Amino acid sequence: MKKYLLNSVGLFTAISLQGCMASQTPDYLPALLVQPNANTRIILETAIGQLLNSQPIKLANSVFTKQHTIMIERQQTINGDISMGRGVDFADSVSLLTKSGKCYLQHVQSKRIEQVKGIGCQALHD
């Protein structure tokens, strides 16, 4: 009888855990902007600057409208002056993501993710 009870408890626990896992919020999904405008671009420029611990980044008006990831080249400086020519620094990648109806930016190299308020985005459909 004890063996049957233990097997039943184990089966119930496995089913319960599986149900909990199915109801968890899905992972972040790649996203594109919805109805972008000049204000959206300004919000993103500031948010990406904060994500990269830098000044706001200048972006194109079409940012995140066709691709969910952008590359940002770092400018090398010497004593605060922009160096001549291109430096040897690597570019940073930033992705627009969505989760539970909210928009996020991720610095791909560090995996750091920050929510961005004031913009609209939707999951990228294949």
N, C-alpha and C. Protein backbone atom coordinates (compact mmCIF):
# COMPACT_ATOMS: atom_id res chain seq x y z
N MET A 1 0.82 -1.19 0.00
CA MET A 1 0.00 0.00 0.00
C MET A 1 0.87 1.25 0.00
N LYS A 2 1.95 1.25 0.84
CA LYS A 2 2.84 2.41 0.90
C LYS A 2 3.50 2.65 -0.45
N LYS A 3 3.90 1.55 -1.12
CA LYS A 3 4.55 1.69 -2.41
C LYS A 3 3.61 2.34 -3.41
N TYR A 4 2.34 1.94 -3.44
CA TYR A 4 1.35 2.51 -4.34
C TYR A 4 1.14 4.00 -4.03
N LEU A 5 1.07 4.34 -2.74
CA LEU A 5 0.88 5.72 -2.33
C LEU A 5 2.07 6.59 -2.75
N LEU A 6 3.30 6.10 -2.57
CA LEU A 6 4.49 6.84 -2.97
C LEU A 6 4.53 7.04 -4.48
N ASN A 7 4.17 6.02 -5.27
CA ASN A 7 4.14 6.16 -6.72
C ASN A 7 3.09 7.18 -7.14
N SER A 8 1.94 7.19 -6.47
CA SER A 8 0.88 8.15 -6.79
C SER A 8 1.32 9.57 -6.48
N VAL A 9 1.99 9.75 -5.34
CA VAL A 9 2.48 11.08 -4.96
C VAL A 9 3.53 11.55 -5.97
N GLY A 10 4.42 10.64 -6.38
CA GLY A 10 5.45 10.99 -7.36
C GLY A 10 4.84 11.37 -8.69
N LEU A 11 3.83 10.64 -9.14
CA LEU A 11 3.15 10.95 -10.40
C LEU A 11 2.43 12.28 -10.30
N PHE A 12 1.74 12.52 -9.19
CA PHE A 12 1.03 13.79 -8.99
C PHE A 12 2.01 14.96 -9.00
N THR A 13 3.15 14.80 -8.34
CA THR A 13 4.17 15.86 -8.29
C THR A 13 4.69 16.14 -9.69
N ALA A 14 4.97 15.11 -10.46
CA ALA A 14 5.50 15.30 -11.82
C ALA A 14 4.48 16.03 -12.69
N ILE A 15 3.22 15.66 -12.60
CA ILE A 15 2.17 16.32 -13.39
C ILE A 15 2.02 17.77 -12.94
N SER A 16 2.06 18.02 -11.64
CA SER A 16 1.92 19.39 -11.12
C SER A 16 3.07 20.27 -11.59
N LEU A 17 4.30 19.75 -11.52
CA LEU A 17 5.45 20.53 -11.97
C LEU A 17 5.38 20.82 -13.46
N GLN A 18 4.92 19.86 -14.24
CA GLN A 18 4.80 20.05 -15.68
C GLN A 18 3.77 21.13 -15.97
N GLY A 19 2.69 21.16 -15.23
CA GLY A 19 1.67 22.19 -15.39
C GLY A 19 2.21 23.57 -15.05
N CYS A 20 3.02 23.67 -14.01
CA CYS A 20 3.63 24.95 -13.64
C CYS A 20 4.58 25.44 -14.71
N MET A 21 5.35 24.51 -15.27
CA MET A 21 6.31 24.90 -16.30
C MET A 21 5.58 25.39 -17.54
N ALA A 22 4.46 24.80 -17.88
CA ALA A 22 3.72 25.21 -19.07
C ALA A 22 3.11 26.59 -18.90
N SER A 23 2.80 26.99 -17.66
CA SER A 23 2.15 28.28 -17.44
C SER A 23 3.15 29.41 -17.19
N GLN A 24 4.45 29.12 -17.20
CA GLN A 24 5.45 30.15 -16.98
C GLN A 24 5.46 31.11 -18.17
N THR A 25 5.88 32.35 -17.91
CA THR A 25 5.99 33.36 -18.96
C THR A 25 7.05 32.92 -19.95
N PRO A 26 6.78 33.07 -21.27
CA PRO A 26 7.77 32.65 -22.26
C PRO A 26 9.02 33.53 -22.20
N ASP A 27 10.09 33.05 -22.78
CA ASP A 27 11.34 33.80 -22.83
C ASP A 27 11.17 35.06 -23.66
N TYR A 28 12.18 35.92 -23.59
CA TYR A 28 12.20 37.11 -24.41
C TYR A 28 12.19 36.70 -25.88
N LEU A 29 11.45 37.44 -26.69
CA LEU A 29 11.36 37.15 -28.11
C LEU A 29 11.90 38.33 -28.91
N PRO A 30 12.58 38.07 -30.04
CA PRO A 30 13.01 39.16 -30.90
C PRO A 30 11.80 39.99 -31.33
N ALA A 31 11.98 41.32 -31.42
CA ALA A 31 10.85 42.19 -31.71
C ALA A 31 11.22 43.29 -32.69
N LEU A 32 10.19 43.89 -33.28
CA LEU A 32 10.32 45.07 -34.13
C LEU A 32 9.41 46.15 -33.56
N LEU A 33 9.73 47.40 -33.89
CA LEU A 33 8.92 48.52 -33.40
C LEU A 33 7.55 48.54 -34.06
N VAL A 34 6.59 49.04 -33.31
CA VAL A 34 5.24 49.26 -33.82
C VAL A 34 5.03 50.77 -33.88
N GLN A 35 4.68 51.29 -35.03
CA GLN A 35 4.42 52.71 -35.25
C GLN A 35 5.55 53.60 -34.71
N PRO A 36 6.77 53.39 -35.21
CA PRO A 36 7.89 54.23 -34.73
C PRO A 36 7.73 55.68 -35.21
N ASN A 37 8.25 56.60 -34.42
CA ASN A 37 8.23 58.02 -34.78
C ASN A 37 9.49 58.67 -34.21
N ALA A 38 9.60 59.97 -34.37
CA ALA A 38 10.79 60.68 -33.90
C ALA A 38 10.98 60.53 -32.39
N ASN A 39 9.89 60.54 -31.63
CA ASN A 39 9.98 60.39 -30.18
C ASN A 39 10.49 58.99 -29.81
N THR A 40 10.04 57.97 -30.55
CA THR A 40 10.51 56.60 -30.32
C THR A 40 12.02 56.54 -30.49
N ARG A 41 12.52 57.16 -31.55
CA ARG A 41 13.95 57.16 -31.83
C ARG A 41 14.72 57.83 -30.69
N ILE A 42 14.22 58.94 -30.18
CA ILE A 42 14.88 59.65 -29.09
C ILE A 42 14.92 58.79 -27.82
N ILE A 43 13.81 58.13 -27.53
CA ILE A 43 13.75 57.24 -26.37
C ILE A 43 14.78 56.12 -26.51
N LEU A 44 14.87 55.54 -27.71
CA LEU A 44 15.82 54.46 -27.95
C LEU A 44 17.27 54.94 -27.88
N GLU A 45 17.55 56.13 -28.42
CA GLU A 45 18.90 56.69 -28.36
C GLU A 45 19.37 56.83 -26.91
N THR A 46 18.48 57.34 -26.07
CA THR A 46 18.81 57.52 -24.65
C THR A 46 18.95 56.16 -23.95
N ALA A 47 18.02 55.25 -24.22
CA ALA A 47 18.03 53.94 -23.56
C ALA A 47 19.27 53.13 -23.94
N ILE A 48 19.66 53.18 -25.21
CA ILE A 48 20.85 52.44 -25.65
C ILE A 48 22.10 53.07 -25.03
N GLY A 49 22.14 54.39 -24.96
CA GLY A 49 23.26 55.06 -24.30
C GLY A 49 23.40 54.61 -22.85
N GLN A 50 22.27 54.51 -22.15
CA GLN A 50 22.31 54.06 -20.75
C GLN A 50 22.73 52.59 -20.67
N LEU A 51 22.22 51.77 -21.58
CA LEU A 51 22.55 50.35 -21.59
C LEU A 51 24.05 50.14 -21.80
N LEU A 52 24.67 51.01 -22.63
CA LEU A 52 26.09 50.89 -22.93
C LEU A 52 26.96 51.77 -22.04
N ASN A 53 26.34 52.40 -21.04
CA ASN A 53 27.05 53.31 -20.13
C ASN A 53 27.78 54.41 -20.91
N SER A 54 27.05 55.04 -21.82
CA SER A 54 27.64 56.10 -22.64
C SER A 54 26.62 57.23 -22.84
N GLN A 55 26.99 58.16 -23.67
CA GLN A 55 26.07 59.22 -24.07
C GLN A 55 24.99 58.61 -24.97
N PRO A 56 23.87 59.33 -25.19
CA PRO A 56 22.88 58.82 -26.14
C PRO A 56 23.53 58.52 -27.49
N ILE A 57 23.05 57.48 -28.14
CA ILE A 57 23.58 57.01 -29.42
C ILE A 57 22.70 57.56 -30.54
N LYS A 58 23.29 58.04 -31.61
CA LYS A 58 22.52 58.52 -32.76
C LYS A 58 22.07 57.32 -33.59
N LEU A 59 20.77 57.27 -33.87
CA LEU A 59 20.19 56.15 -34.61
C LEU A 59 19.46 56.65 -35.86
N ALA A 60 19.32 55.77 -36.82
CA ALA A 60 18.55 56.07 -38.03
C ALA A 60 17.06 56.04 -37.69
N ASN A 61 16.27 56.75 -38.47
CA ASN A 61 14.82 56.76 -38.26
C ASN A 61 14.20 55.37 -38.41
N SER A 62 14.84 54.50 -39.18
CA SER A 62 14.29 53.17 -39.45
C SER A 62 14.80 52.09 -38.49
N VAL A 63 15.46 52.50 -37.41
CA VAL A 63 16.02 51.53 -36.48
C VAL A 63 14.93 50.59 -35.95
N PHE A 64 15.25 49.32 -35.88
CA PHE A 64 14.38 48.25 -35.36
C PHE A 64 13.05 48.14 -36.12
N THR A 65 13.03 48.54 -37.39
CA THR A 65 11.80 48.38 -38.17
C THR A 65 11.89 47.17 -39.11
N LYS A 66 13.12 46.72 -39.42
CA LYS A 66 13.30 45.57 -40.31
C LYS A 66 14.13 44.47 -39.68
N GLN A 67 14.99 44.86 -38.74
CA GLN A 67 15.84 43.90 -38.03
C GLN A 67 15.76 44.18 -36.54
N HIS A 68 15.86 43.13 -35.74
CA HIS A 68 15.74 43.31 -34.29
C HIS A 68 17.09 43.56 -33.61
N THR A 69 18.19 43.43 -34.35
CA THR A 69 19.52 43.65 -33.78
C THR A 69 20.27 44.69 -34.61
N ILE A 70 20.95 45.60 -33.91
CA ILE A 70 21.77 46.59 -34.59
C ILE A 70 23.19 46.51 -34.05
N MET A 71 24.13 46.97 -34.86
CA MET A 71 25.54 47.02 -34.46
C MET A 71 25.89 48.48 -34.22
N ILE A 72 26.62 48.74 -33.14
CA ILE A 72 27.03 50.10 -32.80
C ILE A 72 28.55 50.09 -32.65
N GLU A 73 29.22 50.85 -33.50
CA GLU A 73 30.67 50.92 -33.46
C GLU A 73 31.10 51.87 -32.36
N ARG A 74 32.02 51.45 -31.53
CA ARG A 74 32.54 52.30 -30.47
C ARG A 74 33.58 53.25 -31.05
N GLN A 75 33.57 54.48 -30.60
CA GLN A 75 34.58 55.45 -31.00
C GLN A 75 35.70 55.43 -29.98
N GLN A 76 36.92 55.27 -30.46
CA GLN A 76 38.07 55.31 -29.57
C GLN A 76 38.40 56.77 -29.27
N THR A 77 38.76 57.02 -28.04
CA THR A 77 39.18 58.36 -27.69
C THR A 77 40.55 58.32 -27.04
N ILE A 78 41.29 59.38 -27.26
CA ILE A 78 42.58 59.56 -26.62
C ILE A 78 42.51 60.89 -25.88
N ASN A 79 42.54 60.84 -24.58
CA ASN A 79 42.42 62.05 -23.75
C ASN A 79 41.17 62.86 -24.10
N GLY A 80 40.07 62.16 -24.37
CA GLY A 80 38.82 62.84 -24.65
C GLY A 80 38.63 63.27 -26.09
N ASP A 81 39.65 63.12 -26.94
CA ASP A 81 39.54 63.48 -28.35
C ASP A 81 39.29 62.23 -29.17
N ILE A 82 38.41 62.34 -30.15
CA ILE A 82 38.16 61.20 -31.03
C ILE A 82 39.41 60.97 -31.87
N SER A 83 39.88 59.74 -31.89
CA SER A 83 41.11 59.43 -32.62
C SER A 83 40.85 59.47 -34.12
N MET A 84 41.89 59.67 -34.87
CA MET A 84 41.80 59.68 -36.32
C MET A 84 41.69 58.25 -36.82
N GLY A 85 40.86 58.03 -37.79
CA GLY A 85 40.72 56.69 -38.36
C GLY A 85 39.92 55.79 -37.45
N ARG A 86 39.83 54.55 -37.84
CA ARG A 86 39.05 53.58 -37.08
C ARG A 86 39.93 52.91 -36.05
N GLY A 87 39.34 52.67 -34.89
CA GLY A 87 40.06 52.01 -33.82
C GLY A 87 39.97 50.50 -33.94
N VAL A 88 40.52 49.81 -32.97
CA VAL A 88 40.50 48.36 -32.97
C VAL A 88 39.41 47.81 -32.06
N ASP A 89 38.60 48.70 -31.48
CA ASP A 89 37.51 48.24 -30.61
C ASP A 89 36.48 47.46 -31.43
N PHE A 90 35.83 46.55 -30.78
CA PHE A 90 34.78 45.79 -31.42
C PHE A 90 33.47 46.57 -31.36
N ALA A 91 32.55 46.22 -32.21
CA ALA A 91 31.24 46.84 -32.20
C ALA A 91 30.38 46.18 -31.11
N ASP A 92 29.43 46.95 -30.61
CA ASP A 92 28.44 46.41 -29.67
C ASP A 92 27.20 46.05 -30.46
N SER A 93 26.53 44.99 -30.05
CA SER A 93 25.25 44.61 -30.64
C SER A 93 24.15 44.86 -29.63
N VAL A 94 23.04 45.42 -30.10
CA VAL A 94 21.89 45.67 -29.24
C VAL A 94 20.67 45.09 -29.93
N SER A 95 19.87 44.34 -29.19
CA SER A 95 18.66 43.72 -29.73
C SER A 95 17.42 44.27 -29.05
N LEU A 96 16.35 44.39 -29.83
CA LEU A 96 15.04 44.75 -29.31
C LEU A 96 14.29 43.46 -29.06
N LEU A 97 13.78 43.31 -27.84
CA LEU A 97 13.08 42.09 -27.43
C LEU A 97 11.73 42.45 -26.82
N THR A 98 10.86 41.47 -26.74
CA THR A 98 9.59 41.66 -26.06
C THR A 98 9.30 40.46 -25.17
N LYS A 99 8.59 40.73 -24.10
CA LYS A 99 8.17 39.69 -23.16
C LYS A 99 6.95 40.22 -22.42
N SER A 100 5.89 39.48 -22.43
CA SER A 100 4.66 39.86 -21.72
C SER A 100 4.15 41.24 -22.12
N GLY A 101 4.26 41.57 -23.40
CA GLY A 101 3.74 42.84 -23.90
C GLY A 101 4.61 44.06 -23.62
N LYS A 102 5.80 43.86 -23.07
CA LYS A 102 6.70 44.97 -22.78
C LYS A 102 7.92 44.89 -23.69
N CYS A 103 8.56 46.04 -23.92
CA CYS A 103 9.73 46.12 -24.80
C CYS A 103 11.00 46.21 -23.97
N TYR A 104 12.05 45.54 -24.46
CA TYR A 104 13.33 45.50 -23.78
C TYR A 104 14.46 45.67 -24.78
N LEU A 105 15.58 46.19 -24.32
CA LEU A 105 16.81 46.22 -25.09
C LEU A 105 17.81 45.30 -24.40
N GLN A 106 18.56 44.56 -25.21
CA GLN A 106 19.60 43.69 -24.67
C GLN A 106 20.93 44.03 -25.31
N HIS A 107 21.94 44.27 -24.46
CA HIS A 107 23.32 44.38 -24.94
C HIS A 107 23.78 42.94 -25.12
N VAL A 108 23.94 42.52 -26.37
CA VAL A 108 24.18 41.12 -26.68
C VAL A 108 25.45 40.59 -26.02
N GLN A 109 26.52 41.37 -26.02
CA GLN A 109 27.79 40.89 -25.48
C GLN A 109 27.72 40.63 -23.97
N SER A 110 27.09 41.50 -23.22
CA SER A 110 27.03 41.33 -21.76
C SER A 110 25.77 40.60 -21.30
N LYS A 111 24.81 40.42 -22.20
CA LYS A 111 23.50 39.80 -21.90
C LYS A 111 22.63 40.68 -21.00
N ARG A 112 23.04 41.91 -20.76
CA ARG A 112 22.28 42.83 -19.91
C ARG A 112 21.00 43.24 -20.63
N ILE A 113 19.88 43.19 -19.93
CA ILE A 113 18.57 43.52 -20.50
C ILE A 113 17.92 44.60 -19.65
N GLU A 114 17.38 45.61 -20.32
CA GLU A 114 16.68 46.72 -19.66
C GLU A 114 15.34 46.96 -20.35
N GLN A 115 14.31 47.19 -19.57
CA GLN A 115 13.00 47.53 -20.13
C GLN A 115 13.04 48.96 -20.68
N VAL A 116 12.34 49.17 -21.79
CA VAL A 116 12.22 50.49 -22.40
C VAL A 116 10.75 50.87 -22.39
N LYS A 117 10.43 51.94 -21.69
CA LYS A 117 9.05 52.41 -21.62
C LYS A 117 8.84 53.51 -22.65
N GLY A 118 7.61 53.64 -23.11
CA GLY A 118 7.27 54.71 -24.04
C GLY A 118 7.39 54.34 -25.50
N ILE A 119 7.65 53.06 -25.79
CA ILE A 119 7.69 52.61 -27.17
C ILE A 119 6.79 51.39 -27.31
N GLY A 120 6.41 51.08 -28.54
CA GLY A 120 5.62 49.88 -28.81
C GLY A 120 6.40 48.91 -29.66
N CYS A 121 6.33 47.63 -29.33
CA CYS A 121 7.00 46.62 -30.12
C CYS A 121 6.17 45.35 -30.14
N GLN A 122 6.45 44.53 -31.12
CA GLN A 122 5.76 43.24 -31.19
C GLN A 122 6.75 42.17 -31.62
N ALA A 123 6.46 40.94 -31.25
CA ALA A 123 7.35 39.82 -31.56
C ALA A 123 7.55 39.72 -33.05
N LEU A 124 8.77 39.43 -33.43
CA LEU A 124 9.14 39.24 -34.83
C LEU A 124 8.60 37.90 -35.28
N HIS A 125 7.88 37.90 -36.38
CA HIS A 125 7.32 36.66 -36.91
C HIS A 125 8.19 36.17 -38.05
N ASP A 126 8.52 34.87 -38.03
CA ASP A 126 9.39 34.31 -39.08
C ASP A 126 8.71 34.30 -40.41
